[in-house]
Amino acid sequence: MAIDKETVKRIAFLSRLRVEDDKIEATEAEFNKILQWIEQLNEINTDGIEPLVSVNENNITCREDIVTTGNHSKEVLANAPQAAYGYFTVPKVIE
């Protein structure tokens, strides 16, 4: 399957991309290279190969949850530029 100039224009229109007239030939060549690469991938025999769930072979180790006393609002709010009634305050953005 080969991409022609009209197909490039149609793809650009459908994807809401502006492709300048002087770039259409370069875009056509790129699309055709991508399609050739996909055809090469289709030639690979993948029978008996399980699909990857993750590229990492190791499982991610999770840290153990540790219960703390909490209730550190005064220390947290000490870093806030503005605070009132135990909450962060921010400038009003909607009138």
PDB file of N, CA and C in Angstrom:
ATOM      1  N   MET A   1       0.840  -1.174   0.000  1.00  0.00           N
ATOM      2  CA  MET A   1       0.000   0.000   0.000  1.00  0.00           C
ATOM      3  C   MET A   1       0.892   1.246   0.000  1.00  0.00           C
ATOM      4  N   ALA A   2       0.643   2.121  -0.916  1.00  0.00           N
ATOM      5  CA  ALA A   2       1.439   3.344  -1.005  1.00  0.00           C
ATOM      6  C   ALA A   2       0.535   4.558  -0.785  1.00  0.00           C
ATOM      7  N   ILE A   3       1.103   5.555  -0.199  1.00  0.00           N
ATOM      8  CA  ILE A   3       0.395   6.807   0.069  1.00  0.00           C
ATOM      9  C   ILE A   3       0.712   7.773  -1.071  1.00  0.00           C
ATOM     10  N   ASP A   4      -0.316   8.427  -1.605  1.00  0.00           N
ATOM     11  CA  ASP A   4      -0.088   9.454  -2.620  1.00  0.00           C
ATOM     12  C   ASP A   4      -0.397  10.833  -2.032  1.00  0.00           C
ATOM     13  N   LYS A   5      -0.224  11.858  -2.850  1.00  0.00           N
ATOM     14  CA  LYS A   5      -0.389  13.235  -2.365  1.00  0.00           C
ATOM     15  C   LYS A   5      -1.806  13.510  -1.894  1.00  0.00           C
ATOM     16  N   GLU A   6      -2.794  12.964  -2.594  1.00  0.00           N
ATOM     17  CA  GLU A   6      -4.187  13.189  -2.201  1.00  0.00           C
ATOM     18  C   GLU A   6      -4.482  12.528  -0.847  1.00  0.00           C
ATOM     19  N   THR A   7      -3.887  11.372  -0.618  1.00  0.00           N
ATOM     20  CA  THR A   7      -4.078  10.695   0.668  1.00  0.00           C
ATOM     21  C   THR A   7      -3.425  11.494   1.785  1.00  0.00           C
ATOM     22  N   VAL A   8      -2.263  12.074   1.525  1.00  0.00           N
ATOM     23  CA  VAL A   8      -1.597  12.916   2.524  1.00  0.00           C
ATOM     24  C   VAL A   8      -2.502  14.089   2.886  1.00  0.00           C
ATOM     25  N   LYS A   9      -3.078  14.731   1.873  1.00  0.00           N
ATOM     26  CA  LYS A   9      -3.980  15.864   2.119  1.00  0.00           C
ATOM     27  C   LYS A   9      -5.198  15.428   2.921  1.00  0.00           C
ATOM     28  N   ARG A  10      -5.729  14.253   2.601  1.00  0.00           N
ATOM     29  CA  ARG A  10      -6.914  13.744   3.317  1.00  0.00           C
ATOM     30  C   ARG A  10      -6.575  13.428   4.772  1.00  0.00           C
ATOM     31  N   ILE A  11      -5.443  12.779   5.002  1.00  0.00           N
ATOM     32  CA  ILE A  11      -5.012  12.469   6.369  1.00  0.00           C
ATOM     33  C   ILE A  11      -4.779  13.746   7.152  1.00  0.00           C
ATOM     34  N   ALA A  12      -4.167  14.732   6.524  1.00  0.00           N
ATOM     35  CA  ALA A  12      -3.930  16.016   7.191  1.00  0.00           C
ATOM     36  C   ALA A  12      -5.254  16.676   7.551  1.00  0.00           C
ATOM     37  N   PHE A  13      -6.210  16.621   6.638  1.00  0.00           N
ATOM     38  CA  PHE A  13      -7.517  17.209   6.914  1.00  0.00           C
ATOM     39  C   PHE A  13      -8.206  16.493   8.068  1.00  0.00           C
ATOM     40  N   LEU A  14      -8.211  15.172   8.044  1.00  0.00           N
ATOM     41  CA  LEU A  14      -8.892  14.390   9.086  1.00  0.00           C
ATOM     42  C   LEU A  14      -8.239  14.554  10.447  1.00  0.00           C
ATOM     43  N   SER A  15      -6.914  14.718  10.469  1.00  0.00           N
ATOM     44  CA  SER A  15      -6.211  14.857  11.747  1.00  0.00           C
ATOM     45  C   SER A  15      -6.046  16.318  12.149  1.00  0.00           C
ATOM     46  N   ARG A  16      -6.642  17.203  11.379  1.00  0.00           N
ATOM     47  CA  ARG A  16      -6.607  18.646  11.668  1.00  0.00           C
ATOM     48  C   ARG A  16      -5.178  19.183  11.734  1.00  0.00           C
ATOM     49  N   LEU A  17      -4.342  18.696  10.815  1.00  0.00           N
ATOM     50  CA  LEU A  17      -2.963  19.176  10.719  1.00  0.00           C
ATOM     51  C   LEU A  17      -2.819  20.032   9.466  1.00  0.00           C
ATOM     52  N   ARG A  18      -2.035  21.076   9.584  1.00  0.00           N
ATOM     53  CA  ARG A  18      -1.762  21.900   8.415  1.00  0.00           C
ATOM     54  C   ARG A  18      -0.444  21.436   7.818  1.00  0.00           C
ATOM     55  N   VAL A  19      -0.516  20.920   6.615  1.00  0.00           N
ATOM     56  CA  VAL A  19       0.692  20.515   5.899  1.00  0.00           C
ATOM     57  C   VAL A  19       0.829  21.467   4.719  1.00  0.00           C
ATOM     58  N   GLU A  20       1.888  22.248   4.733  1.00  0.00           N
ATOM     59  CA  GLU A  20       2.119  23.208   3.660  1.00  0.00           C
ATOM     60  C   GLU A  20       2.343  22.470   2.345  1.00  0.00           C
ATOM     61  N   ASP A  21       2.010  23.129   1.233  1.00  0.00           N
ATOM     62  CA  ASP A  21       2.120  22.493  -0.079  1.00  0.00           C
ATOM     63  C   ASP A  21       3.542  22.040  -0.396  1.00  0.00           C
ATOM     64  N   ASP A  22       4.534  22.774   0.089  1.00  0.00           N
ATOM     65  CA  ASP A  22       5.915  22.391  -0.192  1.00  0.00           C
ATOM     66  C   ASP A  22       6.392  21.229   0.683  1.00  0.00           C
ATOM     67  N   LYS A  23       5.597  20.847   1.684  1.00  0.00           N
ATOM     68  CA  LYS A  23       5.968  19.742   2.581  1.00  0.00           C
ATOM     69  C   LYS A  23       5.204  18.453   2.261  1.00  0.00           C
ATOM     70  N   ILE A  24       4.287  18.500   1.308  1.00  0.00           N
ATOM     71  CA  ILE A  24       3.455  17.327   1.018  1.00  0.00           C
ATOM     72  C   ILE A  24       4.297  16.162   0.511  1.00  0.00           C
ATOM     73  N   GLU A  25       5.253  16.433  -0.372  1.00  0.00           N
ATOM     74  CA  GLU A  25       6.082  15.343  -0.904  1.00  0.00           C
ATOM     75  C   GLU A  25       6.928  14.704   0.186  1.00  0.00           C
ATOM     76  N   ALA A  26       7.475  15.516   1.088  1.00  0.00           N
ATOM     77  CA  ALA A  26       8.274  14.966   2.193  1.00  0.00           C
ATOM     78  C   ALA A  26       7.393  14.152   3.125  1.00  0.00           C
ATOM     79  N   THR A  27       6.178  14.629   3.383  1.00  0.00           N
ATOM     80  CA  THR A  27       5.253  13.901   4.246  1.00  0.00           C
ATOM     81  C   THR A  27       4.835  12.593   3.593  1.00  0.00           C
ATOM     82  N   GLU A  28       4.616  12.625   2.292  1.00  0.00           N
ATOM     83  CA  GLU A  28       4.278  11.406   1.542  1.00  0.00           C
ATOM     84  C   GLU A  28       5.402  10.376   1.671  1.00  0.00           C
ATOM     85  N   ALA A  29       6.649  10.821   1.539  1.00  0.00           N
ATOM     86  CA  ALA A  29       7.790   9.906   1.662  1.00  0.00           C
ATOM     87  C   ALA A  29       7.869   9.331   3.071  1.00  0.00           C
ATOM     88  N   GLU A  30       7.613  10.173   4.083  1.00  0.00           N
ATOM     89  CA  GLU A  30       7.641   9.670   5.464  1.00  0.00           C
ATOM     90  C   GLU A  30       6.565   8.630   5.709  1.00  0.00           C
ATOM     91  N   PHE A  31       5.345   8.911   5.244  1.00  0.00           N
ATOM     92  CA  PHE A  31       4.258   7.945   5.409  1.00  0.00           C
ATOM     93  C   PHE A  31       4.611   6.618   4.747  1.00  0.00           C
ATOM     94  N   ASN A  32       5.190   6.680   3.551  1.00  0.00           N
ATOM     95  CA  ASN A  32       5.546   5.446   2.849  1.00  0.00           C
ATOM     96  C   ASN A  32       6.657   4.690   3.574  1.00  0.00           C
ATOM     97  N   LYS A  33       7.607   5.392   4.191  1.00  0.00           N
ATOM     98  CA  LYS A  33       8.642   4.715   4.988  1.00  0.00           C
ATOM     99  C   LYS A  33       8.020   4.012   6.191  1.00  0.00           C
ATOM    100  N   ILE A  34       7.058   4.677   6.818  1.00  0.00           N
ATOM    101  CA  ILE A  34       6.383   4.075   7.981  1.00  0.00           C
ATOM    102  C   ILE A  34       5.648   2.819   7.554  1.00  0.00           C
ATOM    103  N   LEU A  35       4.948   2.880   6.430  1.00  0.00           N
ATOM    104  CA  LEU A  35       4.220   1.700   5.952  1.00  0.00           C
ATOM    105  C   LEU A  35       5.166   0.564   5.583  1.00  0.00           C
ATOM    106  N   GLN A  36       6.320   0.884   4.998  1.00  0.00           N
ATOM    107  CA  GLN A  36       7.312  -0.162   4.694  1.00  0.00           C
ATOM    108  C   GLN A  36       7.813  -0.816   5.968  1.00  0.00           C
ATOM    109  N   TRP A  37       8.040  -0.012   7.000  1.00  0.00           N
ATOM    110  CA  TRP A  37       8.505  -0.559   8.273  1.00  0.00           C
ATOM    111  C   TRP A  37       7.443  -1.478   8.874  1.00  0.00           C
ATOM    112  N   ILE A  38       6.180  -1.075   8.790  1.00  0.00           N
ATOM    113  CA  ILE A  38       5.096  -1.926   9.306  1.00  0.00           C
ATOM    114  C   ILE A  38       5.032  -3.230   8.528  1.00  0.00           C
ATOM    115  N   GLU A  39       5.236  -3.173   7.212  1.00  0.00           N
ATOM    116  CA  GLU A  39       5.259  -4.401   6.411  1.00  0.00           C
ATOM    117  C   GLU A  39       6.403  -5.316   6.836  1.00  0.00           C
ATOM    118  N   GLN A  40       7.558  -4.746   7.164  1.00  0.00           N
ATOM    119  CA  GLN A  40       8.677  -5.552   7.658  1.00  0.00           C
ATOM    120  C   GLN A  40       8.307  -6.218   8.976  1.00  0.00           C
ATOM    121  N   LEU A  41       7.639  -5.487   9.859  1.00  0.00           N
ATOM    122  CA  LEU A  41       7.231  -6.069  11.141  1.00  0.00           C
ATOM    123  C   LEU A  41       6.233  -7.205  10.943  1.00  0.00           C
ATOM    124  N   ASN A  42       5.364  -7.078   9.954  1.00  0.00           N
ATOM    125  CA  ASN A  42       4.380  -8.122   9.697  1.00  0.00           C
ATOM    126  C   ASN A  42       5.023  -9.411   9.198  1.00  0.00           C
ATOM    127  N   GLU A  43       6.229  -9.334   8.655  1.00  0.00           N
ATOM    128  CA  GLU A  43       6.917 -10.526   8.154  1.00  0.00           C
ATOM    129  C   GLU A  43       7.512 -11.373   9.281  1.00  0.00           C
ATOM    130  N   ILE A  44       7.621 -10.828  10.478  1.00  0.00           N
ATOM    131  CA  ILE A  44       8.233 -11.546  11.593  1.00  0.00           C
ATOM    132  C   ILE A  44       7.272 -12.613  12.097  1.00  0.00           C
ATOM    133  N   ASN A  45       7.804 -13.818  12.296  1.00  0.00           N
ATOM    134  CA  ASN A  45       6.995 -14.920  12.808  1.00  0.00           C
ATOM    135  C   ASN A  45       6.894 -14.794  14.333  1.00  0.00           C
ATOM    136  N   THR A  46       5.703 -14.559  14.830  1.00  0.00           N
ATOM    137  CA  THR A  46       5.502 -14.407  16.280  1.00  0.00           C
ATOM    138  C   THR A  46       4.680 -15.557  16.859  1.00  0.00           C
ATOM    139  N   ASP A  47       4.598 -16.666  16.141  1.00  0.00           N
ATOM    140  CA  ASP A  47       3.855 -17.818  16.658  1.00  0.00           C
ATOM    141  C   ASP A  47       4.519 -18.341  17.921  1.00  0.00           C
ATOM    142  N   GLY A  48       3.734 -18.587  18.950  1.00  0.00           N
ATOM    143  CA  GLY A  48       4.231 -19.150  20.192  1.00  0.00           C
ATOM    144  C   GLY A  48       4.904 -18.140  21.108  1.00  0.00           C
ATOM    145  N   ILE A  49       4.858 -16.886  20.768  1.00  0.00           N
ATOM    146  CA  ILE A  49       5.460 -15.861  21.608  1.00  0.00           C
ATOM    147  C   ILE A  49       4.354 -15.118  22.330  1.00  0.00           C
ATOM    148  N   GLU A  50       4.456 -15.085  23.658  1.00  0.00           N
ATOM    149  CA  GLU A  50       3.436 -14.403  24.443  1.00  0.00           C
ATOM    150  C   GLU A  50       3.599 -12.898  24.333  1.00  0.00           C
ATOM    151  N   PRO A  51       2.490 -12.175  24.249  1.00  0.00           N
ATOM    152  CA  PRO A  51       2.590 -10.717  24.233  1.00  0.00           C
ATOM    153  C   PRO A  51       3.132 -10.206  25.557  1.00  0.00           C
ATOM    154  N   LEU A  52       3.843  -9.086  25.497  1.00  0.00           N
ATOM    155  CA  LEU A  52       4.389  -8.488  26.707  1.00  0.00           C
ATOM    156  C   LEU A  52       3.296  -7.770  27.483  1.00  0.00           C
ATOM    157  N   VAL A  53       3.324  -7.950  28.780  1.00  0.00           N
ATOM    158  CA  VAL A  53       2.458  -7.174  29.651  1.00  0.00           C
ATOM    159  C   VAL A  53       3.202  -5.916  30.066  1.00  0.00           C
ATOM    160  N   SER A  54       4.499  -6.059  30.251  1.00  0.00           N
ATOM    161  CA  SER A  54       5.346  -4.941  30.644  1.00  0.00           C
ATOM    162  C   SER A  54       6.732  -5.181  30.085  1.00  0.00           C
ATOM    163  N   VAL A  55       7.461  -4.109  29.847  1.00  0.00           N
ATOM    164  CA  VAL A  55       8.830  -4.266  29.373  1.00  0.00           C
ATOM    165  C   VAL A  55       9.781  -4.564  30.513  1.00  0.00           C
ATOM    166  N   ASN A  56       9.330  -4.359  31.736  1.00  0.00           N
ATOM    167  CA  ASN A  56      10.149  -4.672  32.909  1.00  0.00           C
ATOM    168  C   ASN A  56       9.921  -6.119  33.312  1.00  0.00           C
ATOM    169  N   GLU A  57      10.985  -6.859  33.447  1.00  0.00           N
ATOM    170  CA  GLU A  57      10.850  -8.256  33.853  1.00  0.00           C
ATOM    171  C   GLU A  57      10.605  -8.377  35.350  1.00  0.00           C
ATOM    172  N   ASN A  58      11.126  -7.439  36.109  1.00  0.00           N
ATOM    173  CA  ASN A  58      10.971  -7.502  37.557  1.00  0.00           C
ATOM    174  C   ASN A  58       9.658  -6.858  37.969  1.00  0.00           C
ATOM    175  N   ASN A  59       9.066  -7.433  38.973  1.00  0.00           N
ATOM    176  CA  ASN A  59       7.873  -6.814  39.527  1.00  0.00           C
ATOM    177  C   ASN A  59       8.280  -5.607  40.347  1.00  0.00           C
ATOM    178  N   ILE A  60       7.432  -4.618  40.355  1.00  0.00           N
ATOM    179  CA  ILE A  60       7.711  -3.433  41.148  1.00  0.00           C
ATOM    180  C   ILE A  60       7.449  -3.767  42.608  1.00  0.00           C
ATOM    181  N   THR A  61       8.433  -3.508  43.423  1.00  0.00           N
ATOM    182  CA  THR A  61       8.248  -3.788  44.843  1.00  0.00           C
ATOM    183  C   THR A  61       7.594  -2.586  45.494  1.00  0.00           C
ATOM    184  N   CYS A  62       6.547  -2.844  46.208  1.00  0.00           N
ATOM    185  CA  CYS A  62       5.812  -1.780  46.880  1.00  0.00           C
ATOM    186  C   CYS A  62       6.317  -1.657  48.309  1.00  0.00           C
ATOM    187  N   ARG A  63       6.334  -0.452  48.785  1.00  0.00           N
ATOM    188  CA  ARG A  63       6.738  -0.244  50.172  1.00  0.00           C
ATOM    189  C   ARG A  63       5.576  -0.619  51.077  1.00  0.00           C
ATOM    190  N   GLU A  64       5.894  -0.977  52.265  1.00  0.00           N
ATOM    191  CA  GLU A  64       4.876  -1.334  53.231  1.00  0.00           C
ATOM    192  C   GLU A  64       4.218  -0.062  53.762  1.00  0.00           C
ATOM    193  N   ASP A  65       2.913  -0.072  53.874  1.00  0.00           N
ATOM    194  CA  ASP A  65       2.214   1.073  54.439  1.00  0.00           C
ATOM    195  C   ASP A  65       2.462   1.115  55.938  1.00  0.00           C
ATOM    196  N   ILE A  66       2.837   2.275  56.392  1.00  0.00           N
ATOM    197  CA  ILE A  66       3.095   2.454  57.814  1.00  0.00           C
ATOM    198  C   ILE A  66       2.131   3.513  58.337  1.00  0.00           C
ATOM    199  N   VAL A  67       1.399   3.163  59.346  1.00  0.00           N
ATOM    200  CA  VAL A  67       0.440   4.090  59.935  1.00  0.00           C
ATOM    201  C   VAL A  67       1.191   5.082  60.803  1.00  0.00           C
ATOM    202  N   THR A  68       0.909   6.365  60.576  1.00  0.00           N
ATOM    203  CA  THR A  68       1.529   7.408  61.390  1.00  0.00           C
ATOM    204  C   THR A  68       0.441   8.106  62.198  1.00  0.00           C
ATOM    205  N   THR A  69       0.875   8.935  63.077  1.00  0.00           N
ATOM    206  CA  THR A  69      -0.087   9.633  63.924  1.00  0.00           C
ATOM    207  C   THR A  69      -0.870  10.674  63.148  1.00  0.00           C
ATOM    208  N   GLY A  70      -0.308  11.194  62.070  1.00  0.00           N
ATOM    209  CA  GLY A  70      -1.002  12.199  61.270  1.00  0.00           C
ATOM    210  C   GLY A  70      -1.182  13.482  62.046  1.00  0.00           C
ATOM    211  N   ASN A  71      -2.179  14.238  61.679  1.00  0.00           N
ATOM    212  CA  ASN A  71      -2.518  15.455  62.399  1.00  0.00           C
ATOM    213  C   ASN A  71      -1.348  16.423  62.465  1.00  0.00           C
ATOM    214  N   HIS A  72      -0.673  16.623  61.334  1.00  0.00           N
ATOM    215  CA  HIS A  72       0.455  17.549  61.267  1.00  0.00           C
ATOM    216  C   HIS A  72       0.076  18.789  60.477  1.00  0.00           C
ATOM    217  N   SER A  73      -1.170  19.214  60.565  1.00  0.00           N
ATOM    218  CA  SER A  73      -1.634  20.322  59.743  1.00  0.00           C
ATOM    219  C   SER A  73      -0.876  21.610  60.027  1.00  0.00           C
ATOM    220  N   LYS A  74      -0.500  21.871  61.272  1.00  0.00           N
ATOM    221  CA  LYS A  74       0.228  23.101  61.585  1.00  0.00           C
ATOM    222  C   LYS A  74       1.586  23.114  60.884  1.00  0.00           C
ATOM    223  N   GLU A  75       2.294  21.975  60.874  1.00  0.00           N
ATOM    224  CA  GLU A  75       3.588  21.917  60.210  1.00  0.00           C
ATOM    225  C   GLU A  75       3.437  22.042  58.696  1.00  0.00           C
ATOM    226  N   VAL A  76       2.379  21.429  58.142  1.00  0.00           N
ATOM    227  CA  VAL A  76       2.150  21.506  56.700  1.00  0.00           C
ATOM    228  C   VAL A  76       1.790  22.934  56.305  1.00  0.00           C
ATOM    229  N   LEU A  77       0.887  23.537  57.064  1.00  0.00           N
ATOM    230  CA  LEU A  77       0.453  24.892  56.737  1.00  0.00           C
ATOM    231  C   LEU A  77       1.536  25.929  56.990  1.00  0.00           C
ATOM    232  N   ALA A  78       2.556  25.580  57.724  1.00  0.00           N
ATOM    233  CA  ALA A  78       3.663  26.509  57.942  1.00  0.00           C
ATOM    234  C   ALA A  78       4.385  26.814  56.630  1.00  0.00           C
ATOM    235  N   ASN A  79       4.315  25.916  55.662  1.00  0.00           N
ATOM    236  CA  ASN A  79       4.946  26.120  54.353  1.00  0.00           C
ATOM    237  C   ASN A  79       4.053  26.878  53.384  1.00  0.00           C
ATOM    238  N   ALA A  80       2.795  27.077  53.723  1.00  0.00           N
ATOM    239  CA  ALA A  80       1.841  27.712  52.813  1.00  0.00           C
ATOM    240  C   ALA A  80       2.047  29.223  52.782  1.00  0.00           C
ATOM    241  N   PRO A  81       1.943  29.826  51.597  1.00  0.00           N
ATOM    242  CA  PRO A  81       2.033  31.283  51.536  1.00  0.00           C
ATOM    243  C   PRO A  81       0.887  31.955  52.288  1.00  0.00           C
ATOM    244  N   GLN A  82      -0.302  31.352  52.209  1.00  0.00           N
ATOM    245  CA  GLN A  82      -1.464  31.874  52.916  1.00  0.00           C
ATOM    246  C   GLN A  82      -2.268  30.702  53.459  1.00  0.00           C
ATOM    247  N   ALA A  83      -2.780  30.854  54.658  1.00  0.00           N
ATOM    248  CA  ALA A  83      -3.626  29.829  55.257  1.00  0.00           C
ATOM    249  C   ALA A  83      -4.660  30.523  56.134  1.00  0.00           C
ATOM    250  N   ALA A  84      -5.826  29.870  56.240  1.00  0.00           N
ATOM    251  CA  ALA A  84      -6.879  30.410  57.104  1.00  0.00           C
ATOM    252  C   ALA A  84      -7.738  29.256  57.588  1.00  0.00           C
ATOM    253  N   TYR A  85      -8.063  29.243  58.843  1.00  0.00           N
ATOM    254  CA  TYR A  85      -8.930  28.240  59.456  1.00  0.00           C
ATOM    255  C   TYR A  85      -8.433  26.812  59.218  1.00  0.00           C
ATOM    256  N   GLY A  86      -7.132  26.626  59.158  1.00  0.00           N
ATOM    257  CA  GLY A  86      -6.568  25.291  58.986  1.00  0.00           C
ATOM    258  C   GLY A  86      -6.552  24.799  57.550  1.00  0.00           C
ATOM    259  N   TYR A  87      -6.732  25.697  56.562  1.00  0.00           N
ATOM    260  CA  TYR A  87      -6.744  25.329  55.150  1.00  0.00           C
ATOM    261  C   TYR A  87      -5.800  26.238  54.371  1.00  0.00           C
ATOM    262  N   PHE A  88      -5.343  25.744  53.205  1.00  0.00           N
ATOM    263  CA  PHE A  88      -4.611  26.605  52.285  1.00  0.00           C
ATOM    264  C   PHE A  88      -5.593  27.614  51.713  1.00  0.00           C
ATOM    265  N   THR A  89      -5.155  28.819  51.490  1.00  0.00           N
ATOM    266  CA  THR A  89      -5.977  29.803  50.795  1.00  0.00           C
ATOM    267  C   THR A  89      -5.256  30.207  49.511  1.00  0.00           C
ATOM    268  N   VAL A  90      -6.060  30.403  48.474  1.00  0.00           N
ATOM    269  CA  VAL A  90      -5.520  30.782  47.171  1.00  0.00           C
ATOM    270  C   VAL A  90      -6.286  31.989  46.663  1.00  0.00           C
ATOM    271  N   PRO A  91      -5.711  32.738  45.742  1.00  0.00           N
ATOM    272  CA  PRO A  91      -6.430  33.887  45.193  1.00  0.00           C
ATOM    273  C   PRO A  91      -7.682  33.444  44.430  1.00  0.00           C
ATOM    274  N   LYS A  92      -8.690  34.271  44.458  1.00  0.00           N
ATOM    275  CA  LYS A  92      -9.941  34.001  43.757  1.00  0.00           C
ATOM    276  C   LYS A  92      -9.686  34.092  42.259  1.00  0.00           C
ATOM    277  N   VAL A  93     -10.132  33.086  41.495  1.00  0.00           N
ATOM    278  CA  VAL A  93      -9.897  33.078  40.053  1.00  0.00           C
ATOM    279  C   VAL A  93     -11.187  33.236  39.262  1.00  0.00           C
ATOM    280  N   ILE A  94     -12.348  33.080  39.892  1.00  0.00           N
ATOM    281  CA  ILE A  94     -13.640  33.209  39.216  1.00  0.00           C
ATOM    282  C   ILE A  94     -14.393  34.352  39.886  1.00  0.00           C
ATOM    283  N   GLU A  95     -14.960  35.234  39.070  1.00  0.00           N
ATOM    284  CA  GLU A  95     -15.724  36.346  39.638  1.00  0.00           C
ATOM    285  C   GLU A  95     -17.197  36.078  39.576  1.00  0.00           C
TER     286      GLU A  95
END
